[in-house]
Structure formats: C-alpha cells, structure tokens
Amino acid sequence: MATQDTASETENLTLVQSVRDGLYTEMKNDEDVLVMGEDVGKNGGVFRATEGLYEEFGGDRVIDTPLAESGIVGTAIGMAAYGLKPVPEIQFMGFIYPAFDQIVSHAARIRTRSRGRFTCPMVIRAPYGGGIRAPEHHSESTEAMFAHQPGLKVQIPSTPYDAKGMLISAIRDPDPVVFLEPKLIYRAFRNEVPTDDYEVPLGEAAVRREGTDISVYTWGAMSRPTIEAAEELAEEDGIDVEVVDIRSISPLDEETIVESFKKTGRAAVVHEAPKSGGLGGEIASIIQEEALLYQEAPVERITGFDTPFPLYALEDYYLPEPARIKKGIRDAVSF
C-alpha cells in the first residue's frame, strides 16, 4: 500500500482523472470489480470518469445500462450479494431518488437482515453539487439523506489524492458506500497522485490548515473557498483559522472534530446543502455534547439556503463563497 509520503511514482491528475485511475486500478487488481451505469461504456461517462475502461475490460465488466436508476442499483445489489463488487454510477445525484428505496431498504440492510450471511460490497458513485450551470435536478447536495441511514457509508473527496485512495478503500469495503464526487472541482486543479494502488481510510477527517482561533468544518467543493477565506482572514484580520475537511460524512470522525474544537473554542460549518437538516447541525450537536465547556461562541452555519437549487442567475449567490464564509467566521470570532 502506498502513502502520500512514499517515493512511488506520481502523476499530476485532476479529481475526475483520479476517480478513473482508482476504478482502473481496482478493476486491474480484482476481476470481481465491475462498472455499470448510463453511458459509462463506449461513451466513457457523461464526465468521462470511465473513459477507456470499456476498451480495456470489455462489455462484461463495463456495462451500459438503460435509463433506470432503480434497476441499476437493484441489479448491483444482487451482484454484490453473490460475490461481485459492482460500482454503479448515477449520472447526477439529482437522479438518485428513484433508487433511494433500493439503497436504504435493501443495500443498507442486507447484513442485518441476513444476520451476517450476506454483505453488500458495492460503491454507488454520483457527481453532486452545484456551480456548473446545469439544469434542474443536476446540482443537488443531499448527502444528509444518506448519512441518516445506518448501514451506509457516505464519502466525499475534495482532492485528487483523496479521490483515488478513498475510492479504492470504498471498493474494498465489505459494505455499501455512497461515493459523492464534487463535480464543480472535477477539473478545477491538479495534484500529484501515486500511480501505485493505495488507500485513504474511510471515516477519517483531514486537517487542511492548522489554526488556533476557530475551527471551520467543511467538505467537497466547499473546501477550496473555505481555505481561500482562511488565508485571506489571516492577512486581513489576523484570524488564525483551522480548516477541517470532514471527507467522511458517515461515519463522522468525531475525535478530530472535537479535538480541533477544544483547541480553538469556536466553530463554523460550511456546506452547500440547505441549512435545515444539514450535517452542520449534527456537527454542532457533537460539539455541544463532547466539548461544551470549551465553547466560546455559538456555532456558525454557512450554507446553502432552504430552497430548491436555483438556476444560473442565482447559482453563485446560493453557494457559500469566500466573502460569505469570511463574514460567518468573523461573526463567530467576534462574539
């Protein structure tokens, strides 16, 4: 297993290229791994995340499916229960709801329902989130719906390195994983990614920036504007912001969340999902339960709004951007 500190060869990849590299790596390592979904085969996927896999592994392992999300996921559940490791792709998170019953009623419950006789080693990939000027149903950020379901793991990478390593870990996991890919940053930047196979453990947050004045928790595409806001606040106000990339929505890394808060005494949560019922409330509750005596100010939530995701004219206003993130952080620090 490679780690980020090894001397293995690397490539300079975008996040979507790292997803493709992770799929290729595990399909090469394990013949039980297969990819399925709408246009994932000859077309290489709507975002080209599966480009070249059909030519490499053939139509038995890279399967173009009908436009039927419940059928895609339902078929994958049967495959997983009987020994394969399917990686079904849902083209956009907003299309996943027809498969919701299959995911929460069957995939998440097979281990419990069968008393351990069956597991469901499958990874449901879906591009998620806004910011790309897409039509309706193409910009949802409803990760909290899946985090609420016991039996599911929910993972969201924010860097190319994490995308490959977390996807490999997810494919090797014996239970179902919902793997959400922030499409706003699919091609926004590049990082060095090892060419070897390596794992990024599921269930662990990452501290992206050390700080002493306030802990800011975020994930997915919101990690970049949060780090940008933190750097600007350090220059403009002298506020030292610690940025924690949650990465694993379920299970949450409560230890890292709490330890960071104990160091700073103040917190903000940045996510693009609507505020009500979002994961920001869960993180605030963990802080209240585990570190109340360290708290110096209310936990700020800097989020999307409690509305359907808007179309082009209001899209940039809806998503938290550095100016709004900075205001929320300043409010928490000045309380």
Protein backbone atom coordinates (compact mmCIF):
# COMPACT_ATOMS: atom_id res chain seq x y z
CA MET A 1 0.00 0.00 0.00
CA ALA A 2 1.35 3.41 -0.94
CA THR A 3 1.01 6.51 1.21
CA GLN A 4 1.42 10.16 0.39
CA ASP A 5 4.89 10.11 1.93
CA THR A 6 6.30 7.24 -0.15
CA ALA A 7 8.68 7.66 -3.06
CA SER A 8 6.39 5.92 -5.56
CA GLU A 9 5.91 7.46 -8.98
CA THR A 10 3.18 10.07 -9.29
CA GLU A 11 1.03 11.67 -11.95
CA ASN A 12 -0.39 15.18 -11.96
CA LEU A 13 -4.13 14.47 -12.11
CA THR A 14 -7.45 16.25 -11.83
CA LEU A 15 -10.06 14.87 -9.45
CA VAL A 16 -12.07 13.18 -12.21
CA GLN A 17 -8.90 11.63 -13.62
CA SER A 18 -8.13 10.28 -10.15
CA VAL A 19 -11.58 8.69 -9.98
CA ARG A 20 -10.93 7.00 -13.31
CA ASP A 21 -7.47 5.91 -12.07
CA GLY A 22 -9.00 4.42 -8.93
CA LEU A 23 -11.55 2.47 -10.95
CA TYR A 24 -8.87 1.24 -13.35
CA THR A 25 -6.57 0.22 -10.50
CA GLU A 26 -9.15 -1.90 -8.72
CA MET A 27 -10.52 -3.43 -11.92
CA LYS A 28 -6.96 -4.46 -12.75
CA ASN A 29 -6.38 -5.81 -9.23
CA ASP A 30 -9.69 -7.66 -8.79
CA GLU A 31 -11.68 -9.30 -11.57
CA ASP A 32 -14.82 -9.18 -9.42
CA VAL A 33 -14.93 -5.37 -9.73
CA LEU A 34 -17.21 -4.08 -12.47
CA VAL A 35 -18.63 -0.71 -13.52
CA MET A 36 -22.20 -0.13 -14.65
CA GLY A 37 -24.45 2.82 -15.43
CA GLU A 38 -25.83 5.10 -18.11
CA ASP A 39 -23.26 5.80 -20.86
CA VAL A 40 -20.32 4.53 -18.78
CA GLY A 41 -19.14 2.14 -21.51
CA LYS A 42 -18.32 3.19 -25.06
CA ASN A 43 -19.07 6.84 -24.27
CA GLY A 44 -16.84 6.91 -21.19
CA GLY A 45 -19.42 8.56 -18.91
CA VAL A 46 -21.01 11.99 -19.02
CA PHE A 47 -17.94 13.46 -17.25
CA ARG A 48 -15.52 10.93 -18.82
CA ALA A 49 -14.83 9.32 -15.45
CA THR A 50 -14.92 5.86 -17.07
CA GLU A 51 -13.13 6.78 -20.29
CA GLY A 52 -11.13 3.89 -21.73
CA LEU A 53 -12.39 1.28 -19.28
CA TYR A 54 -14.69 -0.35 -21.84
CA GLU A 55 -11.80 -0.79 -24.26
CA GLU A 56 -9.59 -2.21 -21.50
CA PHE A 57 -12.01 -4.54 -19.74
CA GLY A 58 -14.82 -5.18 -22.20
CA GLY A 59 -18.60 -5.09 -22.07
CA ASP A 60 -18.92 -7.79 -19.40
CA ARG A 61 -17.23 -5.55 -16.81
CA VAL A 62 -18.12 -2.08 -18.10
CA ILE A 63 -21.85 -2.29 -18.61
CA ASP A 64 -24.05 0.31 -20.29
CA THR A 65 -27.47 0.22 -18.67
CA PRO A 66 -30.93 1.58 -19.51
CA LEU A 67 -32.03 4.92 -18.04
CA ALA A 68 -33.43 3.29 -14.89
CA GLU A 69 -31.70 4.17 -11.62
CA SER A 70 -33.71 1.74 -9.51
CA GLY A 71 -32.80 -1.01 -11.96
CA ILE A 72 -29.12 -0.07 -11.97
CA VAL A 73 -28.85 -0.14 -8.19
CA GLY A 74 -31.18 -3.11 -7.72
CA THR A 75 -29.16 -5.20 -10.16
CA ALA A 76 -25.92 -4.13 -8.46
CA ILE A 77 -27.27 -5.21 -5.06
CA GLY A 78 -27.94 -8.71 -6.41
CA MET A 79 -24.46 -8.85 -7.90
CA ALA A 80 -22.87 -7.72 -4.63
CA ALA A 81 -24.82 -10.18 -2.51
CA TYR A 82 -23.47 -13.04 -4.60
CA GLY A 83 -19.80 -12.15 -4.67
CA LEU A 84 -19.17 -9.42 -7.23
CA LYS A 85 -18.07 -5.85 -6.43
CA PRO A 86 -20.17 -3.57 -8.61
CA VAL A 87 -19.57 0.17 -8.90
CA PRO A 88 -22.81 1.61 -10.29
CA GLU A 89 -22.70 5.21 -11.46
CA ILE A 90 -25.67 7.56 -11.13
CA GLN A 91 -25.08 10.34 -13.66
CA PHE A 92 -26.10 13.13 -11.26
CA MET A 93 -27.08 13.00 -7.60
CA GLY A 94 -30.44 14.52 -8.51
CA PHE A 95 -31.23 11.32 -10.43
CA ILE A 96 -30.59 9.04 -7.45
CA TYR A 97 -34.01 9.30 -5.83
CA PRO A 98 -35.70 6.53 -7.89
CA ALA A 99 -33.02 4.22 -6.43
CA PHE A 100 -33.42 5.51 -2.87
CA ASP A 101 -35.67 2.62 -1.85
CA GLN A 102 -33.18 0.08 -3.16
CA ILE A 103 -30.32 1.79 -1.33
CA VAL A 104 -31.90 2.26 2.09
CA SER A 105 -34.33 -0.68 2.17
CA HIS A 106 -32.02 -3.32 0.72
CA ALA A 107 -28.33 -2.39 0.29
CA ALA A 108 -28.02 -0.84 3.75
CA ARG A 109 -29.91 -3.67 5.48
CA ILE A 110 -28.63 -6.87 3.90
CA ARG A 111 -26.01 -7.55 6.59
CA THR A 112 -28.51 -7.03 9.42
CA ARG A 113 -31.43 -8.73 7.69
CA SER A 114 -29.39 -11.85 6.90
CA ARG A 115 -27.61 -11.86 10.29
CA GLY A 116 -24.28 -11.54 8.54
CA ARG A 117 -24.84 -14.24 5.94
CA PHE A 118 -24.77 -11.65 3.14
CA THR A 119 -22.95 -8.37 2.76
CA CYS A 120 -23.27 -5.79 0.00
CA PRO A 121 -19.82 -4.70 -1.21
CA MET A 122 -20.86 -2.04 -3.71
CA VAL A 123 -19.96 1.60 -4.32
CA ILE A 124 -22.61 3.95 -5.68
CA ARG A 125 -20.80 6.81 -7.41
CA ALA A 126 -22.59 10.08 -8.12
CA PRO A 127 -21.36 13.54 -9.17
CA TYR A 128 -23.02 16.03 -6.81
CA GLY A 129 -23.28 19.71 -6.00
CA GLY A 130 -23.75 22.94 -7.92
CA GLY A 131 -21.74 25.60 -9.65
CA ILE A 132 -21.56 24.22 -13.21
CA ARG A 133 -24.60 25.99 -14.70
CA ALA A 134 -26.59 22.78 -15.05
CA PRO A 135 -30.38 22.40 -15.42
CA GLU A 136 -32.80 21.31 -12.72
CA HIS A 137 -32.01 18.05 -10.84
CA HIS A 138 -28.31 18.32 -11.72
CA SER A 139 -27.00 20.30 -8.71
CA GLU A 140 -28.36 18.65 -5.57
CA SER A 141 -26.35 18.25 -2.38
CA THR A 142 -28.48 15.87 -0.31
CA GLU A 143 -25.77 13.86 1.43
CA ALA A 144 -27.58 14.18 4.77
CA MET A 145 -30.36 11.91 3.48
CA PHE A 146 -27.90 9.05 3.13
CA ALA A 147 -25.88 9.85 6.26
CA HIS A 148 -29.09 9.30 8.25
CA GLN A 149 -29.30 5.66 7.14
CA PRO A 150 -27.46 3.07 9.28
CA GLY A 151 -25.61 0.54 7.17
CA LEU A 152 -24.36 3.04 4.61
CA LYS A 153 -21.02 4.79 4.46
CA VAL A 154 -21.03 8.21 2.77
CA GLN A 155 -17.74 9.57 1.47
CA ILE A 156 -16.87 12.86 -0.29
CA PRO A 157 -13.31 13.52 -1.52
CA SER A 158 -12.08 17.06 -2.13
CA THR A 159 -8.64 16.41 -3.65
CA PRO A 160 -7.37 14.16 -6.45
CA TYR A 161 -5.20 12.25 -3.97
CA ASP A 162 -8.18 11.52 -1.75
CA ALA A 163 -10.44 10.69 -4.69
CA LYS A 164 -8.31 7.75 -5.78
CA GLY A 165 -7.38 6.50 -2.32
CA MET A 166 -10.87 6.80 -0.87
CA LEU A 167 -12.45 5.14 -3.91
CA ILE A 168 -10.07 2.19 -3.65
CA SER A 169 -10.90 1.88 0.07
CA ALA A 170 -14.62 2.08 -0.71
CA ILE A 171 -14.43 -0.68 -3.34
CA ARG A 172 -12.56 -2.91 -0.89
CA ASP A 173 -15.06 -2.25 1.90
CA PRO A 174 -17.49 -5.13 2.57
CA ASP A 175 -20.49 -2.83 2.97
CA PRO A 176 -22.25 -0.34 0.66
CA VAL A 177 -20.67 3.06 0.16
CA VAL A 178 -22.27 6.15 -1.38
CA PHE A 179 -19.34 7.93 -3.01
CA LEU A 180 -20.18 11.53 -3.90
CA GLU A 181 -17.86 13.41 -6.24
CA PRO A 182 -17.95 17.25 -6.22
CA LYS A 183 -18.25 17.94 -9.92
CA LEU A 184 -17.54 21.66 -9.51
CA ILE A 185 -13.89 20.73 -8.86
CA TYR A 186 -13.66 17.74 -11.22
CA ARG A 187 -11.18 19.69 -13.36
CA ALA A 188 -10.51 22.77 -11.23
CA PHE A 189 -6.93 21.87 -10.23
CA ARG A 190 -4.37 19.08 -10.25
CA ASN A 191 -2.41 17.26 -7.54
CA GLU A 192 0.32 14.65 -7.52
CA VAL A 193 -1.30 11.23 -7.24
CA PRO A 194 0.68 7.97 -6.80
CA THR A 195 0.49 5.59 -9.74
CA ASP A 196 0.50 2.64 -7.29
CA ASP A 197 -2.61 1.48 -5.52
CA TYR A 198 -3.04 2.99 -2.07
CA GLU A 199 -5.85 3.51 0.41
CA VAL A 200 -7.14 6.58 2.21
CA PRO A 201 -9.03 5.17 5.22
CA LEU A 202 -12.76 5.76 5.35
CA GLY A 203 -14.06 7.52 8.45
CA GLU A 204 -11.15 9.92 8.94
CA ALA A 205 -11.26 13.71 8.58
CA ALA A 206 -8.22 15.70 7.42
CA VAL A 207 -6.94 18.97 8.88
CA ARG A 208 -6.17 21.04 5.78
CA ARG A 209 -4.96 24.12 7.64
CA GLU A 210 -3.77 24.37 11.24
CA GLY A 211 -5.14 27.28 13.29
CA THR A 212 -5.80 28.47 16.83
CA ASP A 213 -8.74 30.92 16.71
CA ILE A 214 -11.62 28.98 15.15
CA SER A 215 -12.31 25.54 13.67
CA VAL A 216 -14.11 25.52 10.34
CA TYR A 217 -15.54 22.20 9.17
CA THR A 218 -16.33 21.59 5.51
CA TRP A 219 -16.19 19.03 2.71
CA GLY A 220 -16.37 18.55 -1.03
CA ALA A 221 -16.20 21.57 -3.30
CA MET A 222 -16.57 23.93 -0.33
CA SER A 223 -13.10 23.03 0.94
CA ARG A 224 -11.39 25.29 -1.59
CA PRO A 225 -13.34 28.54 -0.88
CA THR A 226 -13.05 27.80 2.85
CA ILE A 227 -9.27 27.53 2.67
CA GLU A 228 -9.19 30.66 0.50
CA ALA A 229 -11.27 32.53 3.08
CA ALA A 230 -8.99 31.30 5.87
CA GLU A 231 -5.88 32.59 4.10
CA GLU A 232 -7.49 35.97 3.43
CA LEU A 233 -8.64 36.32 7.05
CA ALA A 234 -5.11 35.62 8.26
CA GLU A 235 -3.84 38.51 6.12
CA GLU A 236 -6.73 40.93 6.64
CA ASP A 237 -7.71 40.36 10.28
CA GLY A 238 -5.01 38.20 11.79
CA ILE A 239 -7.58 35.45 12.43
CA ASP A 240 -5.92 32.03 12.53
CA VAL A 241 -8.42 29.56 11.06
CA GLU A 242 -8.16 25.80 11.34
CA VAL A 243 -9.85 24.10 8.36
CA VAL A 244 -11.05 20.52 8.84
CA ASP A 245 -12.10 18.60 5.73
CA ILE A 246 -14.68 16.13 7.04
CA ARG A 247 -14.34 13.82 3.97
CA SER A 248 -16.30 11.02 5.65
CA ILE A 249 -19.91 12.14 6.13
CA SER A 250 -20.79 8.76 7.61
CA PRO A 251 -19.18 7.64 9.78
CA LEU A 252 -18.15 11.05 11.10
CA ASP A 253 -14.69 11.41 12.60
CA GLU A 254 -15.94 12.75 15.93
CA GLU A 255 -12.49 12.61 17.54
CA THR A 256 -10.94 15.02 15.02
CA ILE A 257 -13.98 17.31 15.17
CA VAL A 258 -13.85 17.53 18.95
CA GLU A 259 -10.08 17.80 19.31
CA SER A 260 -9.95 20.68 16.86
CA PHE A 261 -12.75 22.49 18.69
CA LYS A 262 -11.08 22.03 22.07
CA LYS A 263 -8.05 23.81 20.66
CA THR A 264 -9.95 26.82 19.29
CA GLY A 265 -13.20 27.14 21.28
CA ARG A 266 -15.09 28.47 18.26
CA ALA A 267 -16.55 26.78 15.21
CA ALA A 268 -18.23 27.29 11.87
CA VAL A 269 -19.53 24.72 9.37
CA VAL A 270 -19.55 25.37 5.63
CA HIS A 271 -21.65 23.23 3.29
CA GLU A 272 -23.60 23.85 0.11
CA ALA A 273 -26.62 21.79 1.15
CA PRO A 274 -29.61 23.64 2.66
CA LYS A 275 -29.17 24.64 6.29
CA SER A 276 -32.20 22.89 7.80
CA GLY A 277 -31.44 19.22 8.42
CA GLY A 278 -27.94 19.57 7.02
CA LEU A 279 -24.85 17.97 8.52
CA GLY A 280 -23.85 21.31 10.07
CA GLY A 281 -26.47 20.72 12.75
CA GLU A 282 -25.05 17.28 13.53
CA ILE A 283 -21.53 18.65 13.86
CA ALA A 284 -22.78 21.42 16.15
CA SER A 285 -24.53 18.80 18.32
CA ILE A 286 -21.36 16.72 18.60
CA ILE A 287 -19.51 19.81 19.80
CA GLN A 288 -22.25 20.56 22.35
CA GLU A 289 -22.25 17.00 23.69
CA GLU A 290 -18.50 16.44 23.81
CA ALA A 291 -16.88 19.85 24.31
CA LEU A 292 -19.45 22.25 25.76
CA LEU A 293 -17.11 23.62 28.43
CA TYR A 294 -14.63 24.70 25.74
CA GLN A 295 -17.21 26.71 23.80
CA GLU A 296 -16.70 30.47 23.48
CA ALA A 297 -19.38 31.31 20.87
CA PRO A 298 -22.37 29.81 19.01
CA VAL A 299 -21.50 27.52 16.11
CA GLU A 300 -21.98 29.40 12.83
CA ARG A 301 -23.55 27.57 9.87
CA ILE A 302 -22.58 28.97 6.47
CA THR A 303 -24.66 27.02 4.00
CA GLY A 304 -26.94 26.92 1.01
CA PHE A 305 -30.49 28.15 1.50
CA ASP A 306 -33.68 26.26 2.29
CA THR A 307 -34.85 26.42 -1.31
CA PRO A 308 -34.56 24.23 -4.39
CA PHE A 309 -31.19 24.76 -6.02
CA PRO A 310 -31.61 27.81 -8.28
CA LEU A 311 -30.81 28.17 -11.95
CA TYR A 312 -27.95 30.16 -13.44
CA ALA A 313 -28.69 33.72 -12.33
CA LEU A 314 -28.66 32.91 -8.60
CA GLU A 315 -26.30 29.94 -8.52
CA ASP A 316 -23.26 31.88 -7.33
CA TYR A 317 -25.37 33.63 -4.68
CA TYR A 318 -26.67 30.29 -3.37
CA LEU A 319 -23.28 28.63 -2.92
CA PRO A 320 -21.11 29.76 0.02
CA GLU A 321 -18.21 31.76 -1.41
CA PRO A 322 -15.22 33.31 0.35
CA ALA A 323 -16.90 36.63 1.23
CA ARG A 324 -19.86 34.93 2.93
CA ILE A 325 -17.57 32.40 4.61
CA LYS A 326 -15.37 35.20 5.96
CA LYS A 327 -18.41 37.02 7.38
CA GLY A 328 -19.57 33.92 9.24
CA ILE A 329 -16.11 33.31 10.65
CA ARG A 330 -15.79 36.93 11.75
CA ASP A 331 -19.18 36.71 13.49
CA ALA A 332 -18.07 33.66 15.45
CA VAL A 333 -14.70 35.12 16.39
CA SER A 334 -16.12 38.50 17.46
CA PHE A 335 -18.97 37.07 19.58
